[in-house]
PDB file of N, CA and C in Angstrom:
ATOM      1  N   MET A   1     119.200  95.199  68.540  1.00  0.00           N
ATOM      2  CA  MET A   1     117.699  95.231  67.883  1.00  0.00           C
ATOM      3  C   MET A   1     116.855  95.036  69.050  1.00  0.00           C
ATOM      4  N   ALA A   2     116.866  93.761  69.664  1.00  0.00           N
ATOM      5  CA  ALA A   2     115.836  93.360  70.640  1.00  0.00           C
ATOM      6  C   ALA A   2     115.896  94.492  71.771  1.00  0.00           C
ATOM      7  N   THR A   3     117.101  94.939  72.037  1.00  0.00           N
ATOM      8  CA  THR A   3     117.268  95.934  73.300  1.00  0.00           C
ATOM      9  C   THR A   3     116.578  97.225  73.003  1.00  0.00           C
ATOM     10  N   LYS A   4     116.772  97.680  71.684  1.00  0.00           N
ATOM     11  CA  LYS A   4     115.863  98.748  71.141  1.00  0.00           C
ATOM     12  C   LYS A   4     114.294  98.676  71.252  1.00  0.00           C
ATOM     13  N   LEU A   5     114.024  97.568  70.746  1.00  0.00           N
ATOM     14  CA  LEU A   5     112.452  97.144  70.856  1.00  0.00           C
ATOM     15  C   LEU A   5     111.932  97.244  72.103  1.00  0.00           C
ATOM     16  N   LEU A   6     112.747  96.460  73.073  1.00  0.00           N
ATOM     17  CA  LEU A   6     112.312  96.591  74.520  1.00  0.00           C
ATOM     18  C   LEU A   6     112.125  97.998  75.001  1.00  0.00           C
ATOM     19  N   LEU A   7     113.180  98.581  74.846  1.00  0.00           N
ATOM     20  CA  LEU A   7     113.423 100.033  75.182  1.00  0.00           C
ATOM     21  C   LEU A   7     112.144 100.769  74.813  1.00  0.00           C
ATOM     22  N   VAL A   8     111.676 100.710  73.472  1.00  0.00           N
ATOM     23  CA  VAL A   8     110.615 101.397  72.997  1.00  0.00           C
ATOM     24  C   VAL A   8     109.250 100.872  73.482  1.00  0.00           C
ATOM     25  N   LEU A   9     109.036  99.356  73.795  1.00  0.00           N
ATOM     26  CA  LEU A   9     107.948  99.026  74.426  1.00  0.00           C
ATOM     27  C   LEU A   9     107.837  99.418  75.786  1.00  0.00           C
ATOM     28  N   LEU A  10     108.841  99.595  76.558  1.00  0.00           N
ATOM     29  CA  LEU A  10     108.693 100.112  78.014  1.00  0.00           C
ATOM     30  C   LEU A  10     108.499 101.343  78.033  1.00  0.00           C
ATOM     31  N   THR A  11     108.812 102.321  77.029  1.00  0.00           N
ATOM     32  CA  THR A  11     108.530 103.595  76.906  1.00  0.00           C
ATOM     33  C   THR A  11     106.932 103.855  76.734  1.00  0.00           C
ATOM     34  N   LEU A  12     106.698 103.124  75.663  1.00  0.00           N
ATOM     35  CA  LEU A  12     105.201 103.122  75.432  1.00  0.00           C
ATOM     36  C   LEU A  12     104.210 102.635  76.507  1.00  0.00           C
ATOM     37  N   LEU A  13     104.574 101.910  77.447  1.00  0.00           N
ATOM     38  CA  LEU A  13     104.061 101.124  78.556  1.00  0.00           C
ATOM     39  C   LEU A  13     104.026 102.386  79.661  1.00  0.00           C
ATOM     40  N   VAL A  14     105.019 103.056  79.851  1.00  0.00           N
ATOM     41  CA  VAL A  14     105.105 104.108  80.770  1.00  0.00           C
ATOM     42  C   VAL A  14     104.141 105.287  80.433  1.00  0.00           C
ATOM     43  N   ILE A  15     104.292 105.537  78.827  1.00  0.00           N
ATOM     44  CA  ILE A  15     103.541 106.903  78.465  1.00  0.00           C
ATOM     45  C   ILE A  15     101.921 106.354  78.688  1.00  0.00           C
ATOM     46  N   MET A  16     101.393 105.154  78.297  1.00  0.00           N
ATOM     47  CA  MET A  16     100.367 104.959  78.074  1.00  0.00           C
ATOM     48  C   MET A  16      99.638 104.271  79.387  1.00  0.00           C
ATOM     49  N   ALA A  17     100.573 104.325  80.572  1.00  0.00           N
ATOM     50  CA  ALA A  17      99.887 103.949  81.842  1.00  0.00           C
ATOM     51  C   ALA A  17      98.726 104.813  82.308  1.00  0.00           C
ATOM     52  N   GLN A  18      97.802 104.142  82.772  1.00  0.00           N
ATOM     53  CA  GLN A  18      96.630 104.990  83.415  1.00  0.00           C
ATOM     54  C   GLN A  18      96.595 104.837  84.967  1.00  0.00           C
ATOM     55  N   PRO A  19      96.318 106.097  85.543  1.00  0.00           N
ATOM     56  CA  PRO A  19      96.135 106.078  87.170  1.00  0.00           C
ATOM     57  C   PRO A  19      95.277 105.120  87.437  1.00  0.00           C
ATOM     58  N   VAL A  20      95.333 104.583  88.699  1.00  0.00           N
ATOM     59  CA  VAL A  20      94.301 103.578  89.231  1.00  0.00           C
ATOM     60  C   VAL A  20      94.027 103.868  90.642  1.00  0.00           C
ATOM     61  N   MET A  21      93.042 103.781  91.200  1.00  0.00           N
ATOM     62  CA  MET A  21      92.787 103.886  92.523  1.00  0.00           C
ATOM     63  C   MET A  21      93.063 102.392  93.259  1.00  0.00           C
ATOM     64  N   ALA A  22      93.602 102.483  94.276  1.00  0.00           N
ATOM     65  CA  ALA A  22      94.021 101.265  95.069  1.00  0.00           C
ATOM     66  C   ALA A  22      93.489 101.223  96.432  1.00  0.00           C
ATOM     67  N   CYS A  23      94.400 101.388  97.433  1.00  0.00           N
ATOM     68  CA  CYS A  23      93.928 101.135  98.860  1.00  0.00           C
ATOM     69  C   CYS A  23      93.061 102.159  99.326  1.00  0.00           C
ATOM     70  N   PRO A  24      93.041 103.302  99.007  1.00  0.00           N
ATOM     71  CA  PRO A  24      92.259 104.234  99.512  1.00  0.00           C
ATOM     72  C   PRO A  24      90.756 103.943  99.308  1.00  0.00           C
ATOM     73  N   SER A  25      90.469 103.470  98.070  1.00  0.00           N
ATOM     74  CA  SER A  25      89.055 103.023  97.712  1.00  0.00           C
ATOM     75  C   SER A  25      88.808 101.813  98.336  1.00  0.00           C
ATOM     76  N   CYS A  26      89.590 100.944  98.847  1.00  0.00           N
ATOM     77  CA  CYS A  26      89.214  99.696  99.409  1.00  0.00           C
ATOM     78  C   CYS A  26      88.538 100.130 100.804  1.00  0.00           C
ATOM     79  N   ALA A  27      88.924 101.182 101.350  1.00  0.00           N
ATOM     80  CA  ALA A  27      88.040 101.365 102.764  1.00  0.00           C
ATOM     81  C   ALA A  27      86.797 101.803 102.445  1.00  0.00           C
ATOM     82  N   GLU A  28      86.229 102.364 101.308  1.00  0.00           N
ATOM     83  CA  GLU A  28      84.985 102.688 101.001  1.00  0.00           C
ATOM     84  C   GLU A  28      84.337 101.612 100.264  1.00  0.00           C
ATOM     85  N   ALA A  29      84.863 100.641  99.711  1.00  0.00           N
ATOM     86  CA  ALA A  29      84.056  99.341  99.358  1.00  0.00           C
ATOM     87  C   ALA A  29      83.181  98.591 100.086  1.00  0.00           C
ATOM     88  N   PRO A  30      83.346  98.522 101.336  1.00  0.00           N
ATOM     89  CA  PRO A  30      82.468  97.730 102.111  1.00  0.00           C
ATOM     90  C   PRO A  30      80.954  98.504 102.292  1.00  0.00           C
ATOM     91  N   GLN A  31      81.123  99.800 102.374  1.00  0.00           N
ATOM     92  CA  GLN A  31      79.864 100.754 102.437  1.00  0.00           C
ATOM     93  C   GLN A  31      79.236 100.493 101.399  1.00  0.00           C
ATOM     94  N   ALA A  32      79.611 100.069  99.958  1.00  0.00           N
ATOM     95  CA  ALA A  32      78.924 100.407  98.677  1.00  0.00           C
ATOM     96  C   ALA A  32      78.311  99.072  98.510  1.00  0.00           C
ATOM     97  N   THR A  33      78.541  97.860  99.107  1.00  0.00           N
ATOM     98  CA  THR A  33      78.093  96.700  98.980  1.00  0.00           C
ATOM     99  C   THR A  33      76.685  96.493  99.556  1.00  0.00           C
ATOM    100  N   SER A  34      75.956  95.524  99.086  1.00  0.00           N
ATOM    101  CA  SER A  34      74.578  95.295  99.359  1.00  0.00           C
ATOM    102  C   SER A  34      74.527  94.399 100.516  1.00  0.00           C
ATOM    103  N   GLY A  35      73.527  94.313 101.263  1.00  0.00           N
ATOM    104  CA  GLY A  35      73.451  93.541 102.682  1.00  0.00           C
ATOM    105  C   GLY A  35      73.833  92.233 102.753  1.00  0.00           C
ATOM    106  N   SER A  36      73.400  91.383 101.457  1.00  0.00           N
ATOM    107  CA  SER A  36      73.917  89.982 101.381  1.00  0.00           C
ATOM    108  C   SER A  36      75.287  89.630 101.347  1.00  0.00           C
ATOM    109  N   GLU A  37      75.929  90.660 100.460  1.00  0.00           N
ATOM    110  CA  GLU A  37      77.373  90.234 100.327  1.00  0.00           C
ATOM    111  C   GLU A  37      78.100  90.949 101.474  1.00  0.00           C
ATOM    112  N   GLU A  38      77.549  91.750 102.264  1.00  0.00           N
ATOM    113  CA  GLU A  38      78.288  92.468 103.293  1.00  0.00           C
ATOM    114  C   GLU A  38      79.253  91.550 104.276  1.00  0.00           C
ATOM    115  N   GLU A  39      78.538  90.429 104.753  1.00  0.00           N
ATOM    116  CA  GLU A  39      79.133  89.542 105.508  1.00  0.00           C
ATOM    117  C   GLU A  39      80.384  88.852 104.869  1.00  0.00           C
ATOM    118  N   GLU A  40      80.285  88.524 103.602  1.00  0.00           N
ATOM    119  CA  GLU A  40      81.271  87.787 103.094  1.00  0.00           C
ATOM    120  C   GLU A  40      82.583  88.861 102.931  1.00  0.00           C
ATOM    121  N   GLN A  41      81.988  90.046 102.391  1.00  0.00           N
ATOM    122  CA  GLN A  41      83.049  91.121 102.346  1.00  0.00           C
ATOM    123  C   GLN A  41      83.846  91.326 103.374  1.00  0.00           C
ATOM    124  N   ASN A  42      83.226  91.488 104.596  1.00  0.00           N
ATOM    125  CA  ASN A  42      83.654  91.774 105.939  1.00  0.00           C
ATOM    126  C   ASN A  42      84.594  90.585 106.372  1.00  0.00           C
ATOM    127  N   ILE A  43      84.311  89.409 106.014  1.00  0.00           N
ATOM    128  CA  ILE A  43      85.153  88.238 106.242  1.00  0.00           C
ATOM    129  C   ILE A  43      86.536  88.342 105.447  1.00  0.00           C
ATOM    130  N   ASN A  44      86.328  88.644 104.139  1.00  0.00           N
ATOM    131  CA  ASN A  44      87.566  88.882 103.156  1.00  0.00           C
ATOM    132  C   ASN A  44      88.323  89.857 103.518  1.00  0.00           C
ATOM    133  N   ASN A  45      87.947  91.116 103.942  1.00  0.00           N
ATOM    134  CA  ASN A  45      88.520  92.464 104.000  1.00  0.00           C
ATOM    135  C   ASN A  45      90.056  92.266 104.710  1.00  0.00           C
ATOM    136  N   PRO A  46      90.221  91.590 105.875  1.00  0.00           N
ATOM    137  CA  PRO A  46      91.628  91.234 106.379  1.00  0.00           C
ATOM    138  C   PRO A  46      92.359  90.701 105.385  1.00  0.00           C
ATOM    139  N   ALA A  47      92.201  89.607 104.665  1.00  0.00           N
ATOM    140  CA  ALA A  47      93.049  88.939 103.792  1.00  0.00           C
ATOM    141  C   ALA A  47      93.246  89.873 102.448  1.00  0.00           C
ATOM    142  N   ALA A  48      92.382  90.689 102.194  1.00  0.00           N
ATOM    143  CA  ALA A  48      92.470  91.601 101.015  1.00  0.00           C
ATOM    144  C   ALA A  48      93.415  92.842 101.411  1.00  0.00           C
ATOM    145  N   TYR A  49      93.403  93.342 102.480  1.00  0.00           N
ATOM    146  CA  TYR A  49      94.488  94.310 102.905  1.00  0.00           C
ATOM    147  C   TYR A  49      95.710  93.685 103.138  1.00  0.00           C
ATOM    148  N   ASN A  50      95.713  92.427 103.904  1.00  0.00           N
ATOM    149  CA  ASN A  50      97.170  91.979 103.977  1.00  0.00           C
ATOM    150  C   ASN A  50      97.628  91.854 102.523  1.00  0.00           C
ATOM    151  N   GLN A  51      97.000  91.144 101.564  1.00  0.00           N
ATOM    152  CA  GLN A  51      97.630  90.961 100.354  1.00  0.00           C
ATOM    153  C   GLN A  51      97.983  92.141  99.737  1.00  0.00           C
ATOM    154  N   SER A  52      97.327  93.366  99.749  1.00  0.00           N
ATOM    155  CA  SER A  52      97.762  94.413  99.126  1.00  0.00           C
ATOM    156  C   SER A  52      98.859  95.124  99.750  1.00  0.00           C
ATOM    157  N   ILE A  53      99.113  94.947 100.985  1.00  0.00           N
ATOM    158  CA  ILE A  53     100.301  95.517 101.700  1.00  0.00           C
ATOM    159  C   ILE A  53     101.690  94.562 101.366  1.00  0.00           C
ATOM    160  N   TYR A  54     101.385  93.213 101.075  1.00  0.00           N
ATOM    161  CA  TYR A  54     102.453  92.570 101.023  1.00  0.00           C
ATOM    162  C   TYR A  54     102.807  92.800  99.352  1.00  0.00           C
ATOM    163  N   ILE A  55     101.915  93.092  98.732  1.00  0.00           N
ATOM    164  CA  ILE A  55     102.466  93.284  97.148  1.00  0.00           C
ATOM    165  C   ILE A  55     103.008  94.776  97.237  1.00  0.00           C
ATOM    166  N   LEU A  56     102.526  95.710  97.896  1.00  0.00           N
ATOM    167  CA  LEU A  56     103.345  96.939  98.005  1.00  0.00           C
ATOM    168  C   LEU A  56     104.605  96.785  98.596  1.00  0.00           C
ATOM    169  N   VAL A  57     104.878  95.953  99.533  1.00  0.00           N
ATOM    170  CA  VAL A  57     106.222  95.931 100.220  1.00  0.00           C
ATOM    171  C   VAL A  57     107.133  94.936  99.285  1.00  0.00           C
ATOM    172  N   GLY A  58     106.537  94.066  98.471  1.00  0.00           N
ATOM    173  CA  GLY A  58     107.398  93.070  98.031  1.00  0.00           C
ATOM    174  C   GLY A  58     107.824  93.635  96.663  1.00  0.00           C
ATOM    175  N   VAL A  59     106.995  94.232  95.978  1.00  0.00           N
ATOM    176  CA  VAL A  59     107.182  94.769  94.487  1.00  0.00           C
ATOM    177  C   VAL A  59     108.612  95.351  94.431  1.00  0.00           C
ATOM    178  N   PRO A  60     108.933  96.384  95.083  1.00  0.00           N
ATOM    179  CA  PRO A  60     110.171  97.222  95.176  1.00  0.00           C
ATOM    180  C   PRO A  60     111.368  96.335  95.281  1.00  0.00           C
ATOM    181  N   TYR A  61     111.358  95.186  96.152  1.00  0.00           N
ATOM    182  CA  TYR A  61     112.539  94.245  96.359  1.00  0.00           C
ATOM    183  C   TYR A  61     112.618  93.416  95.216  1.00  0.00           C
ATOM    184  N   PHE A  62     111.576  93.119  94.705  1.00  0.00           N
ATOM    185  CA  PHE A  62     111.515  92.260  93.349  1.00  0.00           C
ATOM    186  C   PHE A  62     112.194  92.924  92.234  1.00  0.00           C
ATOM    187  N   VAL A  63     111.773  94.303  92.364  1.00  0.00           N
ATOM    188  CA  VAL A  63     112.299  94.968  90.884  1.00  0.00           C
ATOM    189  C   VAL A  63     113.817  95.178  91.281  1.00  0.00           C
ATOM    190  N   LEU A  64     114.333  95.524  92.453  1.00  0.00           N
ATOM    191  CA  LEU A  64     115.759  95.944  92.838  1.00  0.00           C
ATOM    192  C   LEU A  64     116.458  94.208  92.385  1.00  0.00           C
ATOM    193  N   ALA A  65     115.714  93.290  92.821  1.00  0.00           N
ATOM    194  CA  ALA A  65     116.549  91.988  92.676  1.00  0.00           C
ATOM    195  C   ALA A  65     116.730  91.844  90.771  1.00  0.00           C
ATOM    196  N   VAL A  66     115.745  92.072  90.167  1.00  0.00           N
ATOM    197  CA  VAL A  66     115.684  91.883  88.938  1.00  0.00           C
ATOM    198  C   VAL A  66     116.953  92.849  88.357  1.00  0.00           C
ATOM    199  N   LEU A  67     116.838  94.031  88.695  1.00  0.00           N
ATOM    200  CA  LEU A  67     117.928  95.011  88.339  1.00  0.00           C
ATOM    201  C   LEU A  67     119.213  94.810  88.641  1.00  0.00           C
ATOM    202  N   GLY A  68     119.394  94.042  89.881  1.00  0.00           N
ATOM    203  CA  GLY A  68     120.587  93.462  90.278  1.00  0.00           C
ATOM    204  C   GLY A  68     121.095  92.697  89.395  1.00  0.00           C
ATOM    205  N   ILE A  69     120.250  91.549  89.142  1.00  0.00           N
ATOM    206  CA  ILE A  69     120.555  90.335  88.305  1.00  0.00           C
ATOM    207  C   ILE A  69     120.997  90.888  86.847  1.00  0.00           C
ATOM    208  N   LEU A  70     120.385  91.872  86.491  1.00  0.00           N
ATOM    209  CA  LEU A  70     120.805  92.554  85.106  1.00  0.00           C
ATOM    210  C   LEU A  70     122.136  93.055  85.056  1.00  0.00           C
ATOM    211  N   VAL A  71     122.351  93.787  86.183  1.00  0.00           N
ATOM    212  CA  VAL A  71     123.745  94.492  86.095  1.00  0.00           C
ATOM    213  C   VAL A  71     124.827  93.506  86.361  1.00  0.00           C
ATOM    214  N   TYR A  72     124.480  92.399  87.183  1.00  0.00           N
ATOM    215  CA  TYR A  72     125.577  91.443  87.252  1.00  0.00           C
ATOM    216  C   TYR A  72     125.688  90.612  86.048  1.00  0.00           C
ATOM    217  N   ARG A  73     124.762  90.302  85.334  1.00  0.00           N
ATOM    218  CA  ARG A  73     124.975  89.746  83.840  1.00  0.00           C
ATOM    219  C   ARG A  73     125.734  90.698  83.066  1.00  0.00           C
ATOM    220  N   GLY A  74     125.286  91.916  82.995  1.00  0.00           N
ATOM    221  CA  GLY A  74     126.137  92.991  82.197  1.00  0.00           C
ATOM    222  C   GLY A  74     127.554  93.077  82.338  1.00  0.00           C
ATOM    223  N   VAL A  75     127.882  93.071  83.658  1.00  0.00           N
ATOM    224  CA  VAL A  75     129.397  93.285  84.271  1.00  0.00           C
ATOM    225  C   VAL A  75     130.186  91.880  83.828  1.00  0.00           C
ATOM    226  N   LYS A  76     129.329  90.669  84.207  1.00  0.00           N
ATOM    227  CA  LYS A  76     129.881  89.518  83.568  1.00  0.00           C
ATOM    228  C   LYS A  76     130.197  89.554  82.174  1.00  0.00           C
ATOM    229  N   LYS A  77     129.381  89.941  81.258  1.00  0.00           N
ATOM    230  CA  LYS A  77     129.628  89.914  79.721  1.00  0.00           C
ATOM    231  C   LYS A  77     130.539  90.830  79.534  1.00  0.00           C
ATOM    232  N   ASN A  78     130.645  92.014  80.186  1.00  0.00           N
ATOM    233  CA  ASN A  78     131.745  93.138  79.965  1.00  0.00           C
ATOM    234  C   ASN A  78     133.107  92.515  80.048  1.00  0.00           C
ATOM    235  N   GLU A  79     133.166  91.700  81.326  1.00  0.00           N
ATOM    236  CA  GLU A  79     134.422  91.216  81.649  1.00  0.00           C
ATOM    237  C   GLU A  79     135.074  90.125  80.572  1.00  0.00           C
ATOM    238  N   GLU A  80     134.176  89.078  80.281  1.00  0.00           N
ATOM    239  CA  GLU A  80     134.435  88.168  79.338  1.00  0.00           C
ATOM    240  C   GLU A  80     134.551  88.767  77.845  1.00  0.00           C
ATOM    241  N   PHE A  81     133.927  89.965  77.424  1.00  0.00           N
ATOM    242  CA  PHE A  81     134.285  90.642  76.342  1.00  0.00           C
ATOM    243  C   PHE A  81     135.793  91.295  76.472  1.00  0.00           C
ATOM    244  N   ARG A  82     136.170  91.707  77.384  1.00  0.00           N
ATOM    245  CA  ARG A  82     137.426  92.399  77.574  1.00  0.00           C
ATOM    246  C   ARG A  82     138.387  91.244  77.529  1.00  0.00           C
ATOM    247  N   ARG A  83     138.381  90.205  78.294  1.00  0.00           N
ATOM    248  CA  ARG A  83     139.238  89.107  78.272  1.00  0.00           C
ATOM    249  C   ARG A  83     139.299  88.544  76.911  1.00  0.00           C
ATOM    250  N   ALA A  84     138.413  88.413  76.072  1.00  0.00           N
ATOM    251  CA  ALA A  84     138.526  87.961  74.728  1.00  0.00           C
ATOM    252  C   ALA A  84     139.181  88.961  73.719  1.00  0.00           C
ATOM    253  N   ASN A  85     139.182  90.297  74.112  1.00  0.00           N
ATOM    254  CA  ASN A  85     139.830  91.229  73.179  1.00  0.00           C
ATOM    255  C   ASN A  85     141.055  91.567  73.540  1.00  0.00           C
ATOM    256  N   GLN A  86     141.641  91.092  74.555  1.00  0.00           N
ATOM    257  CA  GLN A  86     143.001  91.277  74.900  1.00  0.00           C
ATOM    258  C   GLN A  86     144.002  90.484  74.258  1.00  0.00           C
TER     259      GLN A  86
END
């Protein structure tokens, strides 16, 4: 039951997802700021770019790790189930 509910929720999440602007709009952001905030923005820009790159690089590995753990647990449960039914 919980698996079906999770599948339905994930399907709804994918269907309802809205496209967002990410890094391409970051380059345009400093020109859109006012003069007083511009210096602070320029100081924080490198950190912001680094953080977005780290996220873009790290998320696929995190997803693969989670999927690997789920597959491992599924194989382990399947093995235990087969041993119990022999």
